[in-house]
Amino acid sequence: MNLGFSQEMMGGTIQDQVRAYQEIAAGRPVRGEMLQVPVPTLYDPSQAPAGKHTAVVWQYAPYSVAPDGPEGWKKLRDEYAEHVMDLWRVYAPNMTKDKILAMAIHDPTDTVRDNDNLVNGVDVVGDMTPDQMGYFRPFAGWSNYRSPVEGLYMCGGSTHPGGGVHAGGGHNAATVIVEDFKLKKWWDQES
């Protein structure tokens, strides 16, 4: 499925994705597909040598691996990274080892170590599960970007549509602020 911003997500059927979330909840790294593959050099070629690309091959995974907890990643990370690369090669069979100039493996424990605000390695500021999306983000009753304090608004990864680099929460909050203060949308030339 093309998401329109240099990223592809592969994941099989809805049933496959439900099964994957069940595996994660049980502390088992997903063996099926839930890959996301952003390719930033499609828009910023300066991130790689001329004619080359960078990609982030990203797979949902549990923070705590059964039965060892988060420490289980020490034993699993290299083998699981190879598994994820094999999944990607189903879609990109030309991604052989000889074509990869460099690779860094980053598991959920690295995410927490790099930023302790990303609890349990969830890098989108809260789980992206049905109970944490749409009306329920950041929590039921407060999904309209307005906080309980008049004139104070919420945005960012904790609001709908969630974390990431797309700035959706900020855009949506700005729209609400413009409405509340009867301002002109400065980002929309046709308004």
N, C-alpha and C. Protein backbone atom coordinates (compact mmCIF):
# COMPACT_ATOMS: atom_id res chain seq x y z
N MET A 1 0.84 -1.16 0.00
CA MET A 1 0.00 0.00 0.00
C MET A 1 0.89 1.23 0.00
N ASN A 2 0.75 2.11 -0.96
CA ASN A 2 1.54 3.32 -1.02
C ASN A 2 0.93 4.37 -0.11
N LEU A 3 1.71 4.86 0.84
CA LEU A 3 1.22 5.85 1.79
C LEU A 3 1.49 7.27 1.34
N GLY A 4 2.08 7.46 0.18
CA GLY A 4 2.24 8.78 -0.38
C GLY A 4 3.42 9.58 0.15
N PHE A 5 4.24 9.04 1.00
CA PHE A 5 5.40 9.79 1.47
C PHE A 5 6.61 8.89 1.58
N SER A 6 6.97 8.31 0.48
CA SER A 6 8.15 7.46 0.35
C SER A 6 8.20 6.34 1.37
N GLN A 7 7.05 5.74 1.64
CA GLN A 7 7.03 4.63 2.57
C GLN A 7 6.06 3.57 2.07
N GLU A 8 6.42 2.35 2.25
CA GLU A 8 5.54 1.25 1.95
C GLU A 8 5.32 0.46 3.23
N MET A 9 4.11 -0.07 3.39
CA MET A 9 3.84 -0.96 4.51
C MET A 9 3.34 -2.27 3.95
N MET A 10 3.97 -3.33 4.37
CA MET A 10 3.56 -4.65 3.94
C MET A 10 3.03 -5.37 5.17
N GLY A 11 1.96 -6.10 5.03
CA GLY A 11 1.45 -6.74 6.23
C GLY A 11 0.42 -7.82 6.01
N GLY A 12 0.22 -8.27 4.80
CA GLY A 12 -0.73 -9.34 4.57
C GLY A 12 -2.15 -8.88 4.84
N THR A 13 -2.96 -9.80 5.33
CA THR A 13 -4.37 -9.53 5.56
C THR A 13 -4.58 -8.91 6.95
N ILE A 14 -5.80 -8.46 7.19
CA ILE A 14 -6.16 -7.95 8.52
C ILE A 14 -5.96 -9.05 9.56
N GLN A 15 -6.32 -10.27 9.21
CA GLN A 15 -6.15 -11.39 10.14
C GLN A 15 -4.67 -11.61 10.46
N ASP A 16 -3.80 -11.43 9.46
CA ASP A 16 -2.36 -11.54 9.70
C ASP A 16 -1.90 -10.48 10.69
N GLN A 17 -2.42 -9.28 10.53
CA GLN A 17 -2.01 -8.19 11.42
C GLN A 17 -2.54 -8.41 12.84
N VAL A 18 -3.78 -8.90 12.97
CA VAL A 18 -4.32 -9.22 14.30
C VAL A 18 -3.45 -10.29 14.95
N ARG A 19 -3.09 -11.31 14.19
CA ARG A 19 -2.23 -12.38 14.72
C ARG A 19 -0.87 -11.81 15.15
N ALA A 20 -0.34 -10.87 14.37
CA ALA A 20 0.94 -10.25 14.71
C ALA A 20 0.84 -9.50 16.02
N TYR A 21 -0.24 -8.73 16.21
CA TYR A 21 -0.40 -8.01 17.49
C TYR A 21 -0.53 -8.99 18.65
N GLN A 22 -1.17 -10.13 18.42
CA GLN A 22 -1.27 -11.15 19.47
C GLN A 22 0.10 -11.71 19.81
N GLU A 23 0.94 -11.91 18.80
CA GLU A 23 2.30 -12.39 19.04
C GLU A 23 3.08 -11.37 19.87
N ILE A 24 2.94 -10.09 19.52
CA ILE A 24 3.65 -9.04 20.26
C ILE A 24 3.18 -9.04 21.72
N ALA A 25 1.87 -9.12 21.94
CA ALA A 25 1.33 -9.12 23.31
C ALA A 25 1.85 -10.30 24.11
N ALA A 26 2.13 -11.41 23.44
CA ALA A 26 2.65 -12.60 24.12
C ALA A 26 4.17 -12.55 24.27
N GLY A 27 4.81 -11.47 23.79
CA GLY A 27 6.26 -11.36 23.91
C GLY A 27 7.03 -12.11 22.86
N ARG A 28 6.37 -12.40 21.75
CA ARG A 28 7.05 -13.11 20.65
C ARG A 28 7.28 -12.14 19.49
N PRO A 29 8.49 -12.02 19.01
CA PRO A 29 8.73 -11.20 17.83
C PRO A 29 7.92 -11.72 16.65
N VAL A 30 7.35 -10.83 15.92
CA VAL A 30 6.47 -11.16 14.81
C VAL A 30 7.25 -11.90 13.73
N ARG A 31 6.73 -13.02 13.29
CA ARG A 31 7.36 -13.77 12.21
C ARG A 31 6.67 -13.49 10.88
N GLY A 32 5.48 -12.95 10.93
CA GLY A 32 4.80 -12.53 9.71
C GLY A 32 5.23 -11.13 9.34
N GLU A 33 4.52 -10.54 8.43
CA GLU A 33 4.91 -9.23 7.92
C GLU A 33 4.09 -8.11 8.53
N MET A 34 4.77 -7.13 9.04
CA MET A 34 4.20 -5.84 9.41
C MET A 34 5.27 -4.80 9.14
N LEU A 35 5.88 -4.90 8.00
CA LEU A 35 7.01 -4.03 7.66
C LEU A 35 6.56 -2.65 7.23
N GLN A 36 7.36 -1.67 7.61
CA GLN A 36 7.26 -0.34 7.04
C GLN A 36 8.65 -0.02 6.50
N VAL A 37 8.71 0.54 5.31
CA VAL A 37 10.00 0.79 4.68
C VAL A 37 10.05 2.22 4.14
N PRO A 38 10.36 3.20 4.99
CA PRO A 38 10.58 4.56 4.48
C PRO A 38 11.91 4.65 3.72
N VAL A 39 11.93 5.42 2.66
CA VAL A 39 13.13 5.63 1.86
C VAL A 39 13.35 7.15 1.77
N PRO A 40 13.99 7.74 2.78
CA PRO A 40 14.11 9.21 2.82
C PRO A 40 14.89 9.81 1.66
N THR A 41 15.78 9.06 1.05
CA THR A 41 16.59 9.62 -0.03
C THR A 41 15.78 9.86 -1.30
N LEU A 42 14.56 9.37 -1.37
CA LEU A 42 13.72 9.73 -2.51
C LEU A 42 13.43 11.23 -2.51
N TYR A 43 13.46 11.85 -1.33
CA TYR A 43 13.21 13.28 -1.20
C TYR A 43 14.43 14.08 -0.77
N ASP A 44 15.40 13.41 -0.20
CA ASP A 44 16.63 14.08 0.24
C ASP A 44 17.83 13.22 -0.15
N PRO A 45 18.28 13.33 -1.40
CA PRO A 45 19.38 12.47 -1.86
C PRO A 45 20.70 12.73 -1.16
N SER A 46 20.80 13.80 -0.37
CA SER A 46 22.06 14.09 0.32
C SER A 46 22.36 13.08 1.43
N GLN A 47 21.40 12.22 1.77
CA GLN A 47 21.59 11.26 2.85
C GLN A 47 22.35 10.00 2.42
N ALA A 48 22.74 9.93 1.15
CA ALA A 48 23.47 8.75 0.67
C ALA A 48 24.38 9.16 -0.47
N PRO A 49 25.40 8.34 -0.77
CA PRO A 49 26.24 8.63 -1.93
C PRO A 49 25.40 8.71 -3.20
N ALA A 50 25.88 9.43 -4.18
CA ALA A 50 25.16 9.60 -5.45
C ALA A 50 24.74 8.24 -6.02
N GLY A 51 23.50 8.14 -6.42
CA GLY A 51 22.98 6.91 -7.00
C GLY A 51 22.61 5.84 -5.99
N LYS A 52 22.76 6.12 -4.71
CA LYS A 52 22.46 5.15 -3.65
C LYS A 52 21.28 5.67 -2.82
N HIS A 53 20.77 4.83 -1.93
CA HIS A 53 19.62 5.20 -1.10
C HIS A 53 19.82 4.77 0.35
N THR A 54 19.09 5.42 1.22
CA THR A 54 18.95 4.96 2.60
C THR A 54 17.52 4.46 2.77
N ALA A 55 17.35 3.50 3.65
CA ALA A 55 16.02 2.98 3.95
C ALA A 55 15.99 2.58 5.42
N VAL A 56 14.81 2.66 5.99
CA VAL A 56 14.60 2.18 7.34
C VAL A 56 13.63 1.01 7.21
N VAL A 57 14.10 -0.18 7.47
CA VAL A 57 13.25 -1.36 7.40
C VAL A 57 12.76 -1.60 8.82
N TRP A 58 11.49 -1.36 9.03
CA TRP A 58 10.91 -1.25 10.36
C TRP A 58 9.85 -2.31 10.54
N GLN A 59 9.91 -3.02 11.65
CA GLN A 59 8.94 -4.09 11.94
C GLN A 59 8.44 -3.92 13.36
N TYR A 60 7.15 -4.04 13.57
CA TYR A 60 6.60 -4.03 14.93
C TYR A 60 7.21 -5.18 15.72
N ALA A 61 7.49 -4.93 16.99
CA ALA A 61 8.10 -5.97 17.82
C ALA A 61 7.78 -5.69 19.28
N PRO A 62 7.78 -6.73 20.11
CA PRO A 62 7.54 -6.52 21.54
C PRO A 62 8.77 -5.92 22.22
N TYR A 63 8.55 -5.14 23.25
CA TYR A 63 9.66 -4.63 24.05
C TYR A 63 10.22 -5.75 24.92
N SER A 64 9.33 -6.51 25.51
CA SER A 64 9.72 -7.59 26.41
C SER A 64 9.56 -8.91 25.69
N VAL A 65 10.66 -9.62 25.51
CA VAL A 65 10.67 -10.89 24.78
C VAL A 65 10.55 -12.04 25.76
N ALA A 66 9.53 -12.88 25.56
CA ALA A 66 9.34 -14.04 26.45
C ALA A 66 10.45 -15.05 26.21
N PRO A 67 11.01 -15.69 27.19
CA PRO A 67 10.74 -15.55 28.62
C PRO A 67 11.71 -14.59 29.33
N ASP A 68 12.62 -13.95 28.57
CA ASP A 68 13.72 -13.20 29.18
C ASP A 68 13.46 -11.72 29.42
N GLY A 69 12.30 -11.21 29.00
CA GLY A 69 12.03 -9.79 29.15
C GLY A 69 12.82 -8.98 28.13
N PRO A 70 13.03 -7.70 28.39
CA PRO A 70 13.77 -6.86 27.45
C PRO A 70 15.18 -7.37 27.17
N GLU A 71 15.79 -8.03 28.14
CA GLU A 71 17.15 -8.57 27.95
C GLU A 71 17.20 -9.63 26.85
N GLY A 72 16.06 -10.19 26.50
CA GLY A 72 16.00 -11.21 25.46
C GLY A 72 16.47 -10.70 24.10
N TRP A 73 16.41 -9.37 23.90
CA TRP A 73 16.86 -8.81 22.63
C TRP A 73 18.35 -9.00 22.40
N LYS A 74 19.13 -9.10 23.46
CA LYS A 74 20.58 -9.29 23.30
C LYS A 74 20.87 -10.57 22.53
N LYS A 75 20.10 -11.62 22.80
CA LYS A 75 20.30 -12.90 22.12
C LYS A 75 19.63 -12.92 20.75
N LEU A 76 18.58 -12.16 20.58
CA LEU A 76 17.71 -12.28 19.42
C LEU A 76 17.96 -11.28 18.31
N ARG A 77 18.56 -10.15 18.62
CA ARG A 77 18.55 -9.02 17.69
C ARG A 77 19.18 -9.30 16.32
N ASP A 78 20.31 -9.94 16.25
CA ASP A 78 20.95 -10.18 14.95
C ASP A 78 20.14 -11.14 14.09
N GLU A 79 19.68 -12.23 14.70
CA GLU A 79 18.88 -13.21 13.97
C GLU A 79 17.57 -12.58 13.51
N TYR A 80 16.95 -11.76 14.37
CA TYR A 80 15.67 -11.14 13.99
C TYR A 80 15.88 -10.09 12.89
N ALA A 81 16.98 -9.36 12.94
CA ALA A 81 17.27 -8.39 11.88
C ALA A 81 17.40 -9.11 10.54
N GLU A 82 18.03 -10.26 10.53
CA GLU A 82 18.15 -11.03 9.28
C GLU A 82 16.77 -11.51 8.81
N HIS A 83 15.94 -11.92 9.75
CA HIS A 83 14.57 -12.32 9.41
C HIS A 83 13.81 -11.16 8.76
N VAL A 84 13.92 -9.97 9.34
CA VAL A 84 13.23 -8.79 8.79
C VAL A 84 13.77 -8.47 7.40
N MET A 85 15.07 -8.56 7.21
CA MET A 85 15.64 -8.32 5.88
C MET A 85 15.12 -9.36 4.88
N ASP A 86 14.99 -10.62 5.30
CA ASP A 86 14.44 -11.65 4.43
C ASP A 86 12.99 -11.33 4.04
N LEU A 87 12.21 -10.80 4.98
CA LEU A 87 10.84 -10.38 4.65
C LEU A 87 10.86 -9.28 3.60
N TRP A 88 11.75 -8.31 3.76
CA TRP A 88 11.82 -7.21 2.80
C TRP A 88 12.23 -7.73 1.42
N ARG A 89 13.12 -8.71 1.41
CA ARG A 89 13.60 -9.25 0.12
C ARG A 89 12.50 -9.94 -0.68
N VAL A 90 11.41 -10.31 -0.02
CA VAL A 90 10.26 -10.83 -0.76
C VAL A 90 9.77 -9.77 -1.74
N TYR A 91 9.82 -8.50 -1.32
CA TYR A 91 9.36 -7.38 -2.15
C TYR A 91 10.50 -6.74 -2.95
N ALA A 92 11.70 -6.86 -2.42
CA ALA A 92 12.88 -6.24 -3.07
C ALA A 92 13.98 -7.29 -3.17
N PRO A 93 13.82 -8.27 -4.08
CA PRO A 93 14.80 -9.37 -4.15
C PRO A 93 16.20 -8.92 -4.52
N ASN A 94 16.35 -7.71 -5.02
CA ASN A 94 17.68 -7.21 -5.36
C ASN A 94 18.44 -6.70 -4.14
N MET A 95 17.85 -6.71 -2.96
CA MET A 95 18.51 -6.22 -1.74
C MET A 95 19.40 -7.30 -1.14
N THR A 96 20.35 -7.72 -1.90
CA THR A 96 21.29 -8.73 -1.44
C THR A 96 22.34 -8.08 -0.52
N LYS A 97 23.00 -8.89 0.28
CA LYS A 97 23.97 -8.38 1.25
C LYS A 97 25.07 -7.55 0.60
N ASP A 98 25.48 -7.90 -0.60
CA ASP A 98 26.56 -7.16 -1.26
C ASP A 98 26.15 -5.75 -1.66
N LYS A 99 24.86 -5.47 -1.68
CA LYS A 99 24.39 -4.13 -2.05
C LYS A 99 24.15 -3.23 -0.85
N ILE A 100 24.28 -3.76 0.33
CA ILE A 100 24.07 -2.98 1.56
C ILE A 100 25.43 -2.47 2.02
N LEU A 101 25.61 -1.15 1.95
CA LEU A 101 26.90 -0.55 2.32
C LEU A 101 27.09 -0.49 3.83
N ALA A 102 26.01 -0.29 4.57
CA ALA A 102 26.08 -0.22 6.02
C ALA A 102 24.70 -0.52 6.59
N MET A 103 24.67 -1.02 7.82
CA MET A 103 23.40 -1.34 8.45
C MET A 103 23.55 -1.18 9.95
N ALA A 104 22.55 -0.60 10.58
CA ALA A 104 22.51 -0.48 12.04
C ALA A 104 21.24 -1.18 12.52
N ILE A 105 21.38 -2.04 13.50
CA ILE A 105 20.24 -2.75 14.08
C ILE A 105 19.79 -1.98 15.31
N HIS A 106 18.49 -1.73 15.37
CA HIS A 106 17.93 -0.95 16.47
C HIS A 106 16.71 -1.70 16.98
N ASP A 107 16.77 -2.23 18.22
CA ASP A 107 15.62 -2.95 18.76
C ASP A 107 14.89 -2.05 19.77
N PRO A 108 13.74 -2.48 20.29
CA PRO A 108 12.96 -1.63 21.19
C PRO A 108 13.73 -1.15 22.43
N THR A 109 14.69 -1.93 22.91
CA THR A 109 15.45 -1.48 24.08
C THR A 109 16.36 -0.30 23.72
N ASP A 110 16.83 -0.25 22.46
CA ASP A 110 17.61 0.90 22.01
C ASP A 110 16.75 2.15 21.96
N THR A 111 15.50 1.99 21.54
CA THR A 111 14.58 3.12 21.47
C THR A 111 14.41 3.75 22.84
N VAL A 112 14.20 2.92 23.86
CA VAL A 112 14.06 3.43 25.23
C VAL A 112 15.35 4.07 25.71
N ARG A 113 16.47 3.45 25.41
CA ARG A 113 17.76 3.97 25.84
C ARG A 113 18.03 5.34 25.20
N ASP A 114 17.61 5.51 23.95
CA ASP A 114 17.83 6.78 23.24
C ASP A 114 16.89 7.88 23.72
N ASN A 115 15.68 7.52 24.14
CA ASN A 115 14.71 8.52 24.58
C ASN A 115 13.76 7.88 25.58
N ASP A 116 13.94 8.18 26.85
CA ASP A 116 13.14 7.51 27.88
C ASP A 116 11.67 7.94 27.88
N ASN A 117 11.28 8.89 27.03
CA ASN A 117 9.87 9.23 26.87
C ASN A 117 9.14 8.20 26.01
N LEU A 118 9.88 7.39 25.29
CA LEU A 118 9.28 6.40 24.40
C LEU A 118 9.17 5.07 25.16
N VAL A 119 8.22 5.03 26.07
CA VAL A 119 8.05 3.93 27.01
C VAL A 119 7.90 2.60 26.26
N ASN A 120 8.62 1.60 26.71
CA ASN A 120 8.62 0.26 26.13
C ASN A 120 8.98 0.24 24.65
N GLY A 121 9.73 1.24 24.22
CA GLY A 121 10.19 1.26 22.84
C GLY A 121 9.15 1.67 21.82
N VAL A 122 8.00 2.15 22.28
CA VAL A 122 6.96 2.58 21.36
C VAL A 122 7.32 3.99 20.89
N ASP A 123 7.70 4.10 19.63
CA ASP A 123 8.23 5.37 19.14
C ASP A 123 7.16 6.30 18.56
N VAL A 124 5.90 6.02 18.83
CA VAL A 124 4.83 6.87 18.32
C VAL A 124 4.01 7.48 19.46
N VAL A 125 4.61 7.61 20.64
CA VAL A 125 4.01 8.25 21.82
C VAL A 125 2.69 7.57 22.17
N GLY A 126 2.75 6.37 22.64
CA GLY A 126 1.57 5.59 22.99
C GLY A 126 1.30 4.55 21.93
N ASP A 127 0.76 3.45 22.33
CA ASP A 127 0.49 2.36 21.39
C ASP A 127 -0.47 2.80 20.30
N MET A 128 -0.25 2.31 19.11
CA MET A 128 -1.16 2.58 17.99
C MET A 128 -2.12 1.40 17.86
N THR A 129 -2.89 1.21 18.91
CA THR A 129 -3.91 0.17 18.95
C THR A 129 -5.27 0.85 18.93
N PRO A 130 -6.35 0.13 18.60
CA PRO A 130 -7.65 0.78 18.47
C PRO A 130 -8.06 1.62 19.68
N ASP A 131 -7.66 1.21 20.88
CA ASP A 131 -8.03 1.98 22.07
C ASP A 131 -7.16 3.21 22.28
N GLN A 132 -6.21 3.48 21.36
CA GLN A 132 -5.34 4.65 21.45
C GLN A 132 -5.35 5.45 20.16
N MET A 133 -6.42 5.33 19.37
CA MET A 133 -6.48 6.03 18.09
C MET A 133 -7.77 6.84 17.98
N GLY A 134 -7.77 7.80 17.05
CA GLY A 134 -8.97 8.59 16.78
C GLY A 134 -9.52 9.26 18.02
N TYR A 135 -10.77 9.00 18.33
CA TYR A 135 -11.46 9.60 19.47
C TYR A 135 -10.74 9.33 20.79
N PHE A 136 -9.99 8.24 20.86
CA PHE A 136 -9.34 7.83 22.10
C PHE A 136 -7.92 8.37 22.26
N ARG A 137 -7.47 9.26 21.35
CA ARG A 137 -6.10 9.75 21.41
C ARG A 137 -6.12 11.24 21.69
N PRO A 138 -5.58 11.77 22.77
CA PRO A 138 -4.78 11.06 23.77
C PRO A 138 -5.64 10.23 24.73
N PHE A 139 -6.91 10.59 24.94
CA PHE A 139 -7.82 9.75 25.70
C PHE A 139 -9.24 10.22 25.40
N ALA A 140 -10.20 9.35 25.66
CA ALA A 140 -11.59 9.62 25.30
C ALA A 140 -12.06 10.96 25.89
N GLY A 141 -12.68 11.76 25.05
CA GLY A 141 -13.22 13.04 25.49
C GLY A 141 -12.31 14.22 25.24
N TRP A 142 -11.05 13.97 24.92
CA TRP A 142 -10.10 15.07 24.72
C TRP A 142 -9.39 14.95 23.37
N SER A 143 -10.06 14.41 22.39
CA SER A 143 -9.42 14.18 21.10
C SER A 143 -9.56 15.37 20.14
N ASN A 144 -10.12 16.49 20.61
CA ASN A 144 -10.35 17.64 19.72
C ASN A 144 -9.23 18.68 19.77
N TYR A 145 -8.11 18.36 20.37
CA TYR A 145 -6.90 19.21 20.45
C TYR A 145 -7.03 20.33 21.48
N ARG A 146 -8.19 20.52 22.05
CA ARG A 146 -8.38 21.53 23.10
C ARG A 146 -8.12 20.87 24.45
N SER A 147 -7.37 21.55 25.31
CA SER A 147 -7.11 21.01 26.64
C SER A 147 -8.17 21.55 27.60
N PRO A 148 -8.18 21.07 28.84
CA PRO A 148 -9.12 21.61 29.82
C PRO A 148 -8.83 23.08 30.18
N VAL A 149 -7.64 23.56 29.84
CA VAL A 149 -7.25 24.95 30.14
C VAL A 149 -7.56 25.80 28.91
N GLU A 150 -8.41 26.78 29.05
CA GLU A 150 -8.80 27.62 27.92
C GLU A 150 -7.57 28.26 27.27
N GLY A 151 -7.48 28.16 25.97
CA GLY A 151 -6.36 28.73 25.22
C GLY A 151 -5.12 27.85 25.17
N LEU A 152 -5.16 26.69 25.79
CA LEU A 152 -4.05 25.75 25.76
C LEU A 152 -4.46 24.55 24.91
N TYR A 153 -3.69 24.24 23.90
CA TYR A 153 -4.03 23.20 22.94
C TYR A 153 -3.02 22.06 22.99
N MET A 154 -3.47 20.90 22.58
CA MET A 154 -2.62 19.71 22.56
C MET A 154 -2.29 19.36 21.11
N CYS A 155 -1.05 18.98 20.86
CA CYS A 155 -0.66 18.50 19.54
C CYS A 155 0.52 17.56 19.71
N GLY A 156 1.01 17.05 18.62
CA GLY A 156 2.15 16.15 18.67
C GLY A 156 1.71 14.70 18.63
N GLY A 157 2.66 13.82 18.89
CA GLY A 157 2.44 12.39 18.75
C GLY A 157 1.39 11.82 19.69
N SER A 158 1.10 12.51 20.80
CA SER A 158 0.10 11.97 21.72
C SER A 158 -1.32 12.21 21.23
N THR A 159 -1.49 13.04 20.18
CA THR A 159 -2.81 13.31 19.63
C THR A 159 -2.99 12.57 18.30
N HIS A 160 -4.23 12.55 17.83
CA HIS A 160 -4.51 11.92 16.54
C HIS A 160 -3.81 12.70 15.43
N PRO A 161 -3.17 12.11 14.47
CA PRO A 161 -3.17 10.70 14.10
C PRO A 161 -2.04 9.89 14.72
N GLY A 162 -1.31 10.44 15.69
CA GLY A 162 -0.26 9.69 16.36
C GLY A 162 1.12 10.19 16.01
N GLY A 163 2.11 9.51 16.57
CA GLY A 163 3.50 9.93 16.39
C GLY A 163 4.02 9.67 15.01
N GLY A 164 5.12 10.26 14.72
CA GLY A 164 5.74 10.11 13.42
C GLY A 164 6.26 11.45 12.94
N VAL A 165 6.74 11.49 11.75
CA VAL A 165 7.31 12.72 11.23
C VAL A 165 6.35 13.50 10.35
N HIS A 166 5.13 13.07 10.28
CA HIS A 166 4.18 13.68 9.35
C HIS A 166 3.53 14.95 9.88
N ALA A 167 3.65 15.27 11.15
CA ALA A 167 3.14 16.51 11.75
C ALA A 167 1.62 16.63 11.69
N GLY A 168 0.93 15.53 11.59
CA GLY A 168 -0.53 15.56 11.51
C GLY A 168 -1.19 16.17 12.72
N GLY A 169 -0.72 15.82 13.93
CA GLY A 169 -1.30 16.39 15.14
C GLY A 169 -1.14 17.90 15.20
N GLY A 170 0.02 18.40 14.80
CA GLY A 170 0.26 19.85 14.79
C GLY A 170 -0.63 20.56 13.77
N HIS A 171 -0.76 19.97 12.61
CA HIS A 171 -1.63 20.54 11.57
C HIS A 171 -3.08 20.58 12.06
N ASN A 172 -3.54 19.49 12.64
CA ASN A 172 -4.92 19.43 13.12
C ASN A 172 -5.15 20.42 14.26
N ALA A 173 -4.20 20.53 15.18
CA ALA A 173 -4.33 21.48 16.28
C ALA A 173 -4.34 22.91 15.75
N ALA A 174 -3.49 23.21 14.77
CA ALA A 174 -3.47 24.56 14.18
C ALA A 174 -4.82 24.89 13.55
N THR A 175 -5.45 23.91 12.92
CA THR A 175 -6.77 24.12 12.32
C THR A 175 -7.79 24.48 13.39
N VAL A 176 -7.76 23.81 14.53
CA VAL A 176 -8.68 24.09 15.64
C VAL A 176 -8.40 25.49 16.21
N ILE A 177 -7.13 25.84 16.36
CA ILE A 177 -6.77 27.17 16.88
C ILE A 177 -7.27 28.25 15.94
N VAL A 178 -7.09 28.07 14.64
CA VAL A 178 -7.57 29.03 13.65
C VAL A 178 -9.08 29.19 13.77
N GLU A 179 -9.80 28.08 13.92
CA GLU A 179 -11.25 28.15 14.08
C GLU A 179 -11.63 28.89 15.36
N ASP A 180 -11.00 28.54 16.48
CA ASP A 180 -11.34 29.15 17.77
C ASP A 180 -11.08 30.65 17.80
N PHE A 181 -9.98 31.08 17.18
CA PHE A 181 -9.62 32.49 17.21
C PHE A 181 -10.03 33.24 15.94
N LYS A 182 -10.79 32.55 15.07
CA LYS A 182 -11.29 33.14 13.82
C LYS A 182 -10.17 33.80 13.01
N LEU A 183 -9.10 33.04 12.83
CA LEU A 183 -7.94 33.49 12.08
C LEU A 183 -7.98 32.92 10.67
N LYS A 184 -7.16 33.44 9.81
CA LYS A 184 -6.99 32.91 8.46
C LYS A 184 -5.95 31.80 8.51
N LYS A 185 -6.21 30.72 7.78
CA LYS A 185 -5.22 29.63 7.69
C LYS A 185 -4.01 30.17 6.93
N TRP A 186 -2.90 30.36 7.62
CA TRP A 186 -1.71 30.90 6.98
C TRP A 186 -1.04 29.91 6.04
N TRP A 187 -1.39 28.63 6.19
CA TRP A 187 -0.76 27.60 5.36
C TRP A 187 -1.61 27.26 4.13
N ASP A 188 -2.76 27.88 4.00
CA ASP A 188 -3.65 27.58 2.89
C ASP A 188 -3.87 28.84 2.06
N GLN A 189 -3.26 28.90 0.91
CA GLN A 189 -3.31 30.10 0.06
C GLN A 189 -4.72 30.40 -0.45
N GLU A 190 -5.59 29.42 -0.49
CA GLU A 190 -6.92 29.61 -1.03
C GLU A 190 -7.94 30.05 0.00
N SER A 191 -7.60 30.12 1.27
CA SER A 191 -8.53 30.52 2.33
C SER A 191 -8.64 32.02 2.44
